[in-house]
Amino acid sequence: ADEKLFASLIKKGFCYQMIKKMLPLSDYSLQNQKKGS
């Protein structure tokens, strides 16, 4: 889930903008492109 992923990564010390920038390059992105996230 997008919300849980962001919450998890922010807890790990990454800022929102960096998370947003790296998501399209991730394995997670391939799964969510099908869902239109």
PDB file of all heavy atoms in Angstrom:
ATOM      1  N   ALA A   1       0.850  -1.195   0.000  1.00  0.00           N
ATOM      2  CA  ALA A   1       0.000   0.000   0.000  1.00  0.00           C
ATOM      3  C   ALA A   1       0.884   1.243   0.000  1.00  0.00           C
ATOM      4  O   ALA A   1       1.852   1.330   0.758  1.00  0.00           O
ATOM      5  CB  ALA A   1      -0.915   0.008   1.212  1.00  0.00           C
ATOM      6  N   ASP A   2       0.540   2.228  -0.859  1.00  0.00           N
ATOM      7  CA  ASP A   2       1.359   3.436  -0.975  1.00  0.00           C
ATOM      8  C   ASP A   2       1.580   4.108   0.364  1.00  0.00           C
ATOM      9  O   ASP A   2       2.697   4.486   0.719  1.00  0.00           O
ATOM     10  CB  ASP A   2       0.690   4.434  -1.930  1.00  0.00           C
ATOM     11  CG  ASP A   2       0.722   3.946  -3.367  1.00  0.00           C
ATOM     12  OD1 ASP A   2       1.296   2.872  -3.618  1.00  0.00           O
ATOM     13  OD2 ASP A   2       0.167   4.650  -4.228  1.00  0.00           O
ATOM     14  N   GLU A   3       0.515   4.268   1.149  1.00  0.00           N
ATOM     15  CA  GLU A   3       0.596   4.997   2.413  1.00  0.00           C
ATOM     16  C   GLU A   3       1.526   4.290   3.398  1.00  0.00           C
ATOM     17  O   GLU A   3       2.348   4.917   4.075  1.00  0.00           O
ATOM     18  CB  GLU A   3      -0.802   5.152   3.035  1.00  0.00           C
ATOM     19  CG  GLU A   3      -1.776   5.983   2.226  1.00  0.00           C
ATOM     20  CD  GLU A   3      -2.429   5.202   1.084  1.00  0.00           C
ATOM     21  OE1 GLU A   3      -2.159   3.975   0.968  1.00  0.00           O
ATOM     22  OE2 GLU A   3      -3.181   5.827   0.307  1.00  0.00           O
ATOM     23  N   LYS A   4       1.414   2.972   3.461  1.00  0.00           N
ATOM     24  CA  LYS A   4       2.265   2.208   4.374  1.00  0.00           C
ATOM     25  C   LYS A   4       3.721   2.243   3.935  1.00  0.00           C
ATOM     26  O   LYS A   4       4.638   2.306   4.761  1.00  0.00           O
ATOM     27  CB  LYS A   4       1.779   0.763   4.458  1.00  0.00           C
ATOM     28  CG  LYS A   4       0.461   0.594   5.192  1.00  0.00           C
ATOM     29  CD  LYS A   4       0.096  -0.876   5.313  1.00  0.00           C
ATOM     30  CE  LYS A   4      -1.205  -1.052   6.088  1.00  0.00           C
ATOM     31  NZ  LYS A   4      -1.581  -2.482   6.229  1.00  0.00           N
ATOM     32  N   LEU A   5       3.947   2.222   2.639  1.00  0.00           N
ATOM     33  CA  LEU A   5       5.313   2.265   2.130  1.00  0.00           C
ATOM     34  C   LEU A   5       5.970   3.600   2.462  1.00  0.00           C
ATOM     35  O   LEU A   5       7.098   3.645   2.954  1.00  0.00           O
ATOM     36  CB  LEU A   5       5.333   2.030   0.624  1.00  0.00           C
ATOM     37  CG  LEU A   5       6.730   2.053  -0.016  1.00  0.00           C
ATOM     38  CD1 LEU A   5       7.571   0.904   0.531  1.00  0.00           C
ATOM     39  CD2 LEU A   5       6.637   1.953  -1.528  1.00  0.00           C
ATOM     40  N   PHE A   6       5.250   4.687   2.198  1.00  0.00           N
ATOM     41  CA  PHE A   6       5.793   6.009   2.510  1.00  0.00           C
ATOM     42  C   PHE A   6       6.077   6.139   3.999  1.00  0.00           C
ATOM     43  O   PHE A   6       7.128   6.654   4.406  1.00  0.00           O
ATOM     44  CB  PHE A   6       4.826   7.103   2.047  1.00  0.00           C
ATOM     45  CG  PHE A   6       5.072   7.585   0.653  1.00  0.00           C
ATOM     46  CD1 PHE A   6       4.511   6.925  -0.430  1.00  0.00           C
ATOM     47  CD2 PHE A   6       5.888   8.672   0.411  1.00  0.00           C
ATOM     48  CE1 PHE A   6       4.742   7.358  -1.724  1.00  0.00           C
ATOM     49  CE2 PHE A   6       6.127   9.116  -0.885  1.00  0.00           C
ATOM     50  CZ  PHE A   6       5.554   8.460  -1.961  1.00  0.00           C
ATOM     51  N   ALA A   7       5.148   5.669   4.825  1.00  0.00           N
ATOM     52  CA  ALA A   7       5.331   5.763   6.273  1.00  0.00           C
ATOM     53  C   ALA A   7       6.558   4.979   6.720  1.00  0.00           C
ATOM     54  O   ALA A   7       7.348   5.434   7.562  1.00  0.00           O
ATOM     55  CB  ALA A   7       4.084   5.245   6.994  1.00  0.00           C
ATOM     56  N   SER A   8       6.739   3.795   6.124  1.00  0.00           N
ATOM     57  CA  SER A   8       7.878   2.956   6.465  1.00  0.00           C
ATOM     58  C   SER A   8       9.199   3.614   6.082  1.00  0.00           C
ATOM     59  O   SER A   8      10.161   3.622   6.858  1.00  0.00           O
ATOM     60  CB  SER A   8       7.750   1.602   5.756  1.00  0.00           C
ATOM     61  OG  SER A   8       8.915   0.819   5.930  1.00  0.00           O
ATOM     62  N   LEU A   9       9.243   4.213   4.908  1.00  0.00           N
ATOM     63  CA  LEU A   9      10.481   4.818   4.426  1.00  0.00           C
ATOM     64  C   LEU A   9      10.814   6.116   5.144  1.00  0.00           C
ATOM     65  O   LEU A   9      11.982   6.428   5.388  1.00  0.00           O
ATOM     66  CB  LEU A   9      10.389   5.047   2.915  1.00  0.00           C
ATOM     67  CG  LEU A   9      10.340   3.754   2.088  1.00  0.00           C
ATOM     68  CD1 LEU A   9       9.985   4.055   0.641  1.00  0.00           C
ATOM     69  CD2 LEU A   9      11.664   3.014   2.170  1.00  0.00           C
ATOM     70  N   ILE A  10       9.796   6.871   5.474  1.00  0.00           N
ATOM     71  CA  ILE A  10      10.040   8.098   6.250  1.00  0.00           C
ATOM     72  C   ILE A  10      10.577   7.734   7.628  1.00  0.00           C
ATOM     73  O   ILE A  10      11.472   8.396   8.160  1.00  0.00           O
ATOM     74  CB  ILE A  10       8.749   8.927   6.342  1.00  0.00           C
ATOM     75  CG1 ILE A  10       8.461   9.571   4.977  1.00  0.00           C
ATOM     76  CG2 ILE A  10       8.865  10.010   7.427  1.00  0.00           C
ATOM     77  CD1 ILE A  10       7.139  10.290   4.886  1.00  0.00           C
ATOM     78  N   LYS A  11      10.052   6.655   8.214  1.00  0.00           N
ATOM     79  CA  LYS A  11      10.556   6.178   9.503  1.00  0.00           C
ATOM     80  C   LYS A  11      12.020   5.764   9.395  1.00  0.00           C
ATOM     81  O   LYS A  11      12.777   5.883  10.366  1.00  0.00           O
ATOM     82  CB  LYS A  11       9.707   5.004   9.982  1.00  0.00           C
ATOM     83  CG  LYS A  11      10.059   4.512  11.378  1.00  0.00           C
ATOM     84  CD  LYS A  11       9.119   3.405  11.823  1.00  0.00           C
ATOM     85  CE  LYS A  11       9.465   2.932  13.228  1.00  0.00           C
ATOM     86  NZ  LYS A  11       8.565   1.851  13.692  1.00  0.00           N
ATOM     87  N   LYS A  12      12.425   5.307   8.220  1.00  0.00           N
ATOM     88  CA  LYS A  12      13.816   4.896   8.008  1.00  0.00           C
ATOM     89  C   LYS A  12      14.733   6.084   7.713  1.00  0.00           C
ATOM     90  O   LYS A  12      15.927   5.914   7.481  1.00  0.00           O
ATOM     91  CB  LYS A  12      13.896   3.886   6.869  1.00  0.00           C
ATOM     92  CG  LYS A  12      13.304   2.512   7.224  1.00  0.00           C
ATOM     93  CD  LYS A  12      13.456   1.539   6.063  1.00  0.00           C
ATOM     94  CE  LYS A  12      12.864   0.176   6.421  1.00  0.00           C
ATOM     95  NZ  LYS A  12      13.603  -0.472   7.527  1.00  0.00           N
ATOM     96  N   GLY A  13      14.157   7.286   7.694  1.00  0.00           N
ATOM     97  CA  GLY A  13      14.998   8.473   7.586  1.00  0.00           C
ATOM     98  C   GLY A  13      15.131   9.084   6.218  1.00  0.00           C
ATOM     99  O   GLY A  13      15.980   9.955   5.996  1.00  0.00           O
ATOM    100  N   PHE A  14      14.297   8.654   5.253  1.00  0.00           N
ATOM    101  CA  PHE A  14      14.333   9.242   3.913  1.00  0.00           C
ATOM    102  C   PHE A  14      13.261  10.317   3.809  1.00  0.00           C
ATOM    103  O   PHE A  14      12.149  10.159   4.328  1.00  0.00           O
ATOM    104  CB  PHE A  14      14.101   8.163   2.848  1.00  0.00           C
ATOM    105  CG  PHE A  14      15.121   7.062   2.872  1.00  0.00           C
ATOM    106  CD1 PHE A  14      14.807   5.802   3.389  1.00  0.00           C
ATOM    107  CD2 PHE A  14      16.409   7.277   2.404  1.00  0.00           C
ATOM    108  CE1 PHE A  14      15.741   4.775   3.429  1.00  0.00           C
ATOM    109  CE2 PHE A  14      17.362   6.258   2.438  1.00  0.00           C
ATOM    110  CZ  PHE A  14      17.022   5.006   2.953  1.00  0.00           C
ATOM    111  N   CYS A  15      13.579  11.405   3.122  1.00  0.00           N
ATOM    112  CA  CYS A  15      12.609  12.489   2.989  1.00  0.00           C
ATOM    113  C   CYS A  15      11.585  12.152   1.893  1.00  0.00           C
ATOM    114  O   CYS A  15      11.830  11.322   1.020  1.00  0.00           O
ATOM    115  CB  CYS A  15      13.307  13.803   2.674  1.00  0.00           C
ATOM    116  SG  CYS A  15      14.065  13.878   1.030  1.00  0.00           S
ATOM    117  N   TYR A  16      10.445  12.814   1.956  1.00  0.00           N
ATOM    118  CA  TYR A  16       9.338  12.533   1.039  1.00  0.00           C
ATOM    119  C   TYR A  16       9.769  12.686  -0.417  1.00  0.00           C
ATOM    120  O   TYR A  16       9.453  11.844  -1.265  1.00  0.00           O
ATOM    121  CB  TYR A  16       8.173  13.474   1.339  1.00  0.00           C
ATOM    122  CG  TYR A  16       6.998  13.302   0.414  1.00  0.00           C
ATOM    123  CD1 TYR A  16       6.026  12.338   0.651  1.00  0.00           C
ATOM    124  CD2 TYR A  16       6.867  14.113  -0.722  1.00  0.00           C
ATOM    125  CE1 TYR A  16       4.946  12.176  -0.212  1.00  0.00           C
ATOM    126  CE2 TYR A  16       5.803  13.950  -1.595  1.00  0.00           C
ATOM    127  CZ  TYR A  16       4.845  12.985  -1.332  1.00  0.00           C
ATOM    128  OH  TYR A  16       3.783  12.822  -2.191  1.00  0.00           O
ATOM    129  N   GLN A  17      10.478  13.776  -0.742  1.00  0.00           N
ATOM    130  CA  GLN A  17      10.863  14.036  -2.125  1.00  0.00           C
ATOM    131  C   GLN A  17      11.793  12.957  -2.672  1.00  0.00           C
ATOM    132  O   GLN A  17      11.693  12.569  -3.836  1.00  0.00           O
ATOM    133  CB  GLN A  17      11.525  15.416  -2.235  1.00  0.00           C
ATOM    134  CG  GLN A  17      10.567  16.580  -2.021  1.00  0.00           C
ATOM    135  CD  GLN A  17       9.431  16.560  -3.038  1.00  0.00           C
ATOM    136  OE1 GLN A  17       9.626  16.215  -4.212  1.00  0.00           O
ATOM    137  NE2 GLN A  17       8.223  16.932  -2.595  1.00  0.00           N
ATOM    138  N   MET A  18      12.689  12.452  -1.826  1.00  0.00           N
ATOM    139  CA  MET A  18      13.594  11.399  -2.282  1.00  0.00           C
ATOM    140  C   MET A  18      12.823  10.100  -2.532  1.00  0.00           C
ATOM    141  O   MET A  18      13.066   9.403  -3.525  1.00  0.00           O
ATOM    142  CB  MET A  18      14.707  11.151  -1.259  1.00  0.00           C
ATOM    143  CG  MET A  18      15.739  10.116  -1.711  1.00  0.00           C
ATOM    144  SD  MET A  18      17.081   9.860  -0.521  1.00  0.00           S
ATOM    145  CE  MET A  18      17.892  11.460  -0.592  1.00  0.00           C
ATOM    146  N   ILE A  19      11.912   9.784  -1.636  1.00  0.00           N
ATOM    147  CA  ILE A  19      11.099   8.576  -1.817  1.00  0.00           C
ATOM    148  C   ILE A  19      10.319   8.658  -3.130  1.00  0.00           C
ATOM    149  O   ILE A  19      10.298   7.719  -3.931  1.00  0.00           O
ATOM    150  CB  ILE A  19      10.127   8.388  -0.634  1.00  0.00           C
ATOM    151  CG1 ILE A  19      10.893   8.241   0.676  1.00  0.00           C
ATOM    152  CG2 ILE A  19       9.237   7.167  -0.868  1.00  0.00           C
ATOM    153  CD1 ILE A  19      10.034   8.332   1.914  1.00  0.00           C
ATOM    154  N   LYS A  20       9.686   9.802  -3.350  1.00  0.00           N
ATOM    155  CA  LYS A  20       8.888  10.009  -4.566  1.00  0.00           C
ATOM    156  C   LYS A  20       9.758   9.886  -5.816  1.00  0.00           C
ATOM    157  O   LYS A  20       9.326   9.334  -6.841  1.00  0.00           O
ATOM    158  CB  LYS A  20       8.224  11.381  -4.507  1.00  0.00           C
ATOM    159  CG  LYS A  20       7.271  11.660  -5.656  1.00  0.00           C
ATOM    160  CD  LYS A  20       6.608  13.008  -5.467  1.00  0.00           C
ATOM    161  CE  LYS A  20       5.692  13.334  -6.643  1.00  0.00           C
ATOM    162  NZ  LYS A  20       5.054  14.662  -6.484  1.00  0.00           N
ATOM    163  N   LYS A  21      10.998  10.376  -5.734  1.00  0.00           N
ATOM    164  CA  LYS A  21      11.910  10.332  -6.883  1.00  0.00           C
ATOM    165  C   LYS A  21      12.346   8.908  -7.196  1.00  0.00           C
ATOM    166  O   LYS A  21      12.480   8.529  -8.369  1.00  0.00           O
ATOM    167  CB  LYS A  21      13.129  11.202  -6.595  1.00  0.00           C
ATOM    168  CG  LYS A  21      14.169  11.190  -7.708  1.00  0.00           C
ATOM    169  CD  LYS A  21      15.361  12.086  -7.361  1.00  0.00           C
ATOM    170  CE  LYS A  21      16.425  12.052  -8.445  1.00  0.00           C
ATOM    171  NZ  LYS A  21      17.586  12.919  -8.103  1.00  0.00           N
ATOM    172  N   MET A  22      12.556   8.093  -6.167  1.00  0.00           N
ATOM    173  CA  MET A  22      13.108   6.758  -6.377  1.00  0.00           C
ATOM    174  C   MET A  22      12.038   5.696  -6.632  1.00  0.00           C
ATOM    175  O   MET A  22      12.342   4.633  -7.182  1.00  0.00           O
ATOM    176  CB  MET A  22      13.960   6.345  -5.166  1.00  0.00           C
ATOM    177  CG  MET A  22      15.137   7.283  -4.889  1.00  0.00           C
ATOM    178  SD  MET A  22      16.144   7.665  -6.363  1.00  0.00           S
ATOM    179  CE  MET A  22      16.832   6.049  -6.718  1.00  0.00           C
ATOM    180  N   LEU A  23      10.811   5.978  -6.268  1.00  0.00           N
ATOM    181  CA  LEU A  23       9.743   4.983  -6.463  1.00  0.00           C
ATOM    182  C   LEU A  23       9.606   4.512  -7.914  1.00  0.00           C
ATOM    183  O   LEU A  23       9.486   3.301  -8.158  1.00  0.00           O
ATOM    184  CB  LEU A  23       8.406   5.541  -5.962  1.00  0.00           C
ATOM    185  CG  LEU A  23       8.066   5.237  -4.500  1.00  0.00           C
ATOM    186  CD1 LEU A  23       6.854   6.032  -4.061  1.00  0.00           C
ATOM    187  CD2 LEU A  23       7.825   3.752  -4.307  1.00  0.00           C
ATOM    188  N   PRO A  24       9.622   5.400  -8.895  1.00  0.00           N
ATOM    189  CA  PRO A  24       9.470   4.935 -10.288  1.00  0.00           C
ATOM    190  C   PRO A  24      10.587   4.009 -10.755  1.00  0.00           C
ATOM    191  O   PRO A  24      10.439   3.306 -11.758  1.00  0.00           O
ATOM    192  CB  PRO A  24       9.476   6.244 -11.093  1.00  0.00           C
ATOM    193  CG  PRO A  24       9.019   7.279 -10.130  1.00  0.00           C
ATOM    194  CD  PRO A  24       9.618   6.865  -8.811  1.00  0.00           C
ATOM    195  N   LEU A  25      11.722   3.991 -10.035  1.00  0.00           N
ATOM    196  CA  LEU A  25      12.856   3.146 -10.423  1.00  0.00           C
ATOM    197  C   LEU A  25      12.844   1.805  -9.693  1.00  0.00           C
ATOM    198  O   LEU A  25      13.726   0.977  -9.918  1.00  0.00           O
ATOM    199  CB  LEU A  25      14.170   3.875 -10.105  1.00  0.00           C
ATOM    200  CG  LEU A  25      14.336   5.269 -10.724  1.00  0.00           C
ATOM    201  CD1 LEU A  25      15.649   5.888 -10.259  1.00  0.00           C
ATOM    202  CD2 LEU A  25      14.277   5.194 -12.244  1.00  0.00           C
ATOM    203  N   SER A  26      11.846   1.592  -8.855  1.00  0.00           N
ATOM    204  CA  SER A  26      11.845   0.428  -7.976  1.00  0.00           C
ATOM    205  C   SER A  26      11.013  -0.728  -8.508  1.00  0.00           C
ATOM    206  O   SER A  26      10.190  -0.575  -9.414  1.00  0.00           O
ATOM    207  CB  SER A  26      11.300   0.833  -6.600  1.00  0.00           C
ATOM    208  OG  SER A  26       9.912   1.122  -6.710  1.00  0.00           O
ATOM    209  N   ASP A  27      11.215  -1.894  -7.902  1.00  0.00           N
ATOM    210  CA  ASP A  27      10.386  -3.061  -8.191  1.00  0.00           C
ATOM    211  C   ASP A  27       8.940  -2.781  -7.819  1.00  0.00           C
ATOM    212  O   ASP A  27       8.008  -3.264  -8.463  1.00  0.00           O
ATOM    213  CB  ASP A  27      10.886  -4.280  -7.405  1.00  0.00           C
ATOM    214  CG  ASP A  27      12.297  -4.692  -7.803  1.00  0.00           C
ATOM    215  OD1 ASP A  27      12.723  -4.343  -8.923  1.00  0.00           O
ATOM    216  OD2 ASP A  27      12.970  -5.355  -6.993  1.00  0.00           O
ATOM    217  N   TYR A  28       8.766  -1.996  -6.776  1.00  0.00           N
ATOM    218  CA  TYR A  28       7.431  -1.629  -6.303  1.00  0.00           C
ATOM    219  C   TYR A  28       6.647  -0.907  -7.402  1.00  0.00           C
ATOM    220  O   TYR A  28       5.454  -1.104  -7.576  1.00  0.00           O
ATOM    221  CB  TYR A  28       7.579  -0.731  -5.072  1.00  0.00           C
ATOM    222  CG  TYR A  28       6.276  -0.231  -4.473  1.00  0.00           C
ATOM    223  CD1 TYR A  28       5.552  -1.028  -3.601  1.00  0.00           C
ATOM    224  CD2 TYR A  28       5.810   1.044  -4.765  1.00  0.00           C
ATOM    225  CE1 TYR A  28       4.371  -0.569  -3.035  1.00  0.00           C
ATOM    226  CE2 TYR A  28       4.639   1.511  -4.200  1.00  0.00           C
ATOM    227  CZ  TYR A  28       3.916   0.708  -3.341  1.00  0.00           C
ATOM    228  OH  TYR A  28       2.751   1.162  -2.787  1.00  0.00           O
ATOM    229  N   SER A  29       7.345  -0.072  -8.164  1.00  0.00           N
ATOM    230  CA  SER A  29       6.697   0.708  -9.228  1.00  0.00           C
ATOM    231  C   SER A  29       6.086  -0.203 -10.284  1.00  0.00           C
ATOM    232  O   SER A  29       4.980   0.048 -10.777  1.00  0.00           O
ATOM    233  CB  SER A  29       7.706   1.652  -9.874  1.00  0.00           C
ATOM    234  OG  SER A  29       7.132   2.334 -10.963  1.00  0.00           O
ATOM    235  N   LEU A  30       6.789  -1.266 -10.665  1.00  0.00           N
ATOM    236  CA  LEU A  30       6.285  -2.178 -11.695  1.00  0.00           C
ATOM    237  C   LEU A  30       4.950  -2.786 -11.299  1.00  0.00           C
ATOM    238  O   LEU A  30       4.053  -2.946 -12.126  1.00  0.00           O
ATOM    239  CB  LEU A  30       7.314  -3.286 -11.939  1.00  0.00           C
ATOM    240  CG  LEU A  30       8.682  -2.826 -12.453  1.00  0.00           C
ATOM    241  CD1 LEU A  30       9.626  -4.018 -12.568  1.00  0.00           C
ATOM    242  CD2 LEU A  30       8.541  -2.120 -13.799  1.00  0.00           C
ATOM    243  N   GLN A  31       4.816  -3.097 -10.004  1.00  0.00           N
ATOM    244  CA  GLN A  31       3.574  -3.678  -9.514  1.00  0.00           C
ATOM    245  C   GLN A  31       2.441  -2.665  -9.532  1.00  0.00           C
ATOM    246  O   GLN A  31       1.316  -2.964  -9.924  1.00  0.00           O
ATOM    247  CB  GLN A  31       3.791  -4.192  -8.082  1.00  0.00           C
ATOM    248  CG  GLN A  31       2.545  -4.724  -7.381  1.00  0.00           C
ATOM    249  CD  GLN A  31       2.074  -6.041  -7.966  1.00  0.00           C
ATOM    250  OE1 GLN A  31       2.855  -6.743  -8.608  1.00  0.00           O
ATOM    251  NE2 GLN A  31       0.812  -6.372  -7.747  1.00  0.00           N
ATOM    252  N   ASN A  32       2.761  -1.424  -9.128  1.00  0.00           N
ATOM    253  CA  ASN A  32       1.710  -0.414  -8.973  1.00  0.00           C
ATOM    254  C   ASN A  32       1.332   0.287 -10.272  1.00  0.00           C
ATOM    255  O   ASN A  32       0.285   0.926 -10.339  1.00  0.00           O
ATOM    256  CB  ASN A  32       2.136   0.611  -7.920  1.00  0.00           C
ATOM    257  CG  ASN A  32       1.961   0.063  -6.515  1.00  0.00           C
ATOM    258  OD1 ASN A  32       0.881   0.119  -5.939  1.00  0.00           O
ATOM    259  ND2 ASN A  32       3.040  -0.493  -5.972  1.00  0.00           N
ATOM    260  N   GLN A  33       2.164   0.200 -11.286  1.00  0.00           N
ATOM    261  CA  GLN A  33       1.795   0.796 -12.574  1.00  0.00           C
ATOM    262  C   GLN A  33       0.528   0.151 -13.119  1.00  0.00           C
ATOM    263  O   GLN A  33      -0.294   0.806 -13.762  1.00  0.00           O
ATOM    264  CB  GLN A  33       2.948   0.624 -13.572  1.00  0.00           C
ATOM    265  CG  GLN A  33       4.073   1.607 -13.364  1.00  0.00           C
ATOM    266  CD  GLN A  33       5.259   1.321 -14.258  1.00  0.00           C
ATOM    267  OE1 GLN A  33       5.238   0.389 -15.065  1.00  0.00           O
ATOM    268  NE2 GLN A  33       6.311   2.123 -14.119  1.00  0.00           N
ATOM    269  N   LYS A  34       0.356  -1.119 -12.831  1.00  0.00           N
ATOM    270  CA  LYS A  34      -0.826  -1.813 -13.290  1.00  0.00           C
ATOM    271  C   LYS A  34      -2.087  -1.320 -12.594  1.00  0.00           C
ATOM    272  O   LYS A  34      -3.189  -1.462 -13.089  1.00  0.00           O
ATOM    273  CB  LYS A  34      -0.654  -3.311 -13.054  1.00  0.00           C
ATOM    274  CG  LYS A  34       0.530  -3.924 -13.783  1.00  0.00           C
ATOM    275  CD  LYS A  34       0.694  -5.389 -13.429  1.00  0.00           C
ATOM    276  CE  LYS A  34       1.906  -5.988 -14.109  1.00  0.00           C
ATOM    277  NZ  LYS A  34       2.091  -7.411 -13.762  1.00  0.00           N
ATOM    278  N   LYS A  35      -1.875  -0.740 -11.376  1.00  0.00           N
ATOM    279  CA  LYS A  35      -3.023  -0.265 -10.596  1.00  0.00           C
ATOM    280  C   LYS A  35      -3.284   1.216 -10.808  1.00  0.00           C
ATOM    281  O   LYS A  35      -4.201   1.794 -10.233  1.00  0.00           O
ATOM    282  CB  LYS A  35      -2.775  -0.533  -9.109  1.00  0.00           C
ATOM    283  CG  LYS A  35      -2.566  -2.004  -8.798  1.00  0.00           C
ATOM    284  CD  LYS A  35      -2.261  -2.173  -7.314  1.00  0.00           C
ATOM    285  CE  LYS A  35      -2.013  -3.637  -6.979  1.00  0.00           C
ATOM    286  NZ  LYS A  35      -1.685  -3.838  -5.555  1.00  0.00           N
ATOM    287  N   GLY A  36      -2.397   1.867 -11.592  1.00  0.00           N
ATOM    288  CA  GLY A  36      -2.578   3.294 -11.857  1.00  0.00           C
ATOM    289  C   GLY A  36      -2.138   4.211 -10.753  1.00  0.00           C
ATOM    290  O   GLY A  36      -2.545   5.366 -10.672  1.00  0.00           O
ATOM    291  N   SER A  37      -1.270   3.743  -9.838  1.00  0.00           N
ATOM    292  CA  SER A  37      -0.781   4.601  -8.746  1.00  0.00           C
ATOM    293  C   SER A  37       0.123   5.677  -9.326  1.00  0.00           C
ATOM    294  O   SER A  37       0.940   5.428 -10.206  1.00  0.00           O
ATOM    295  CB  SER A  37       0.000   3.785  -7.711  1.00  0.00           C
ATOM    296  OG  SER A  37      -0.869   2.868  -7.076  1.00  0.00           O
TER     297      SER A  37
END
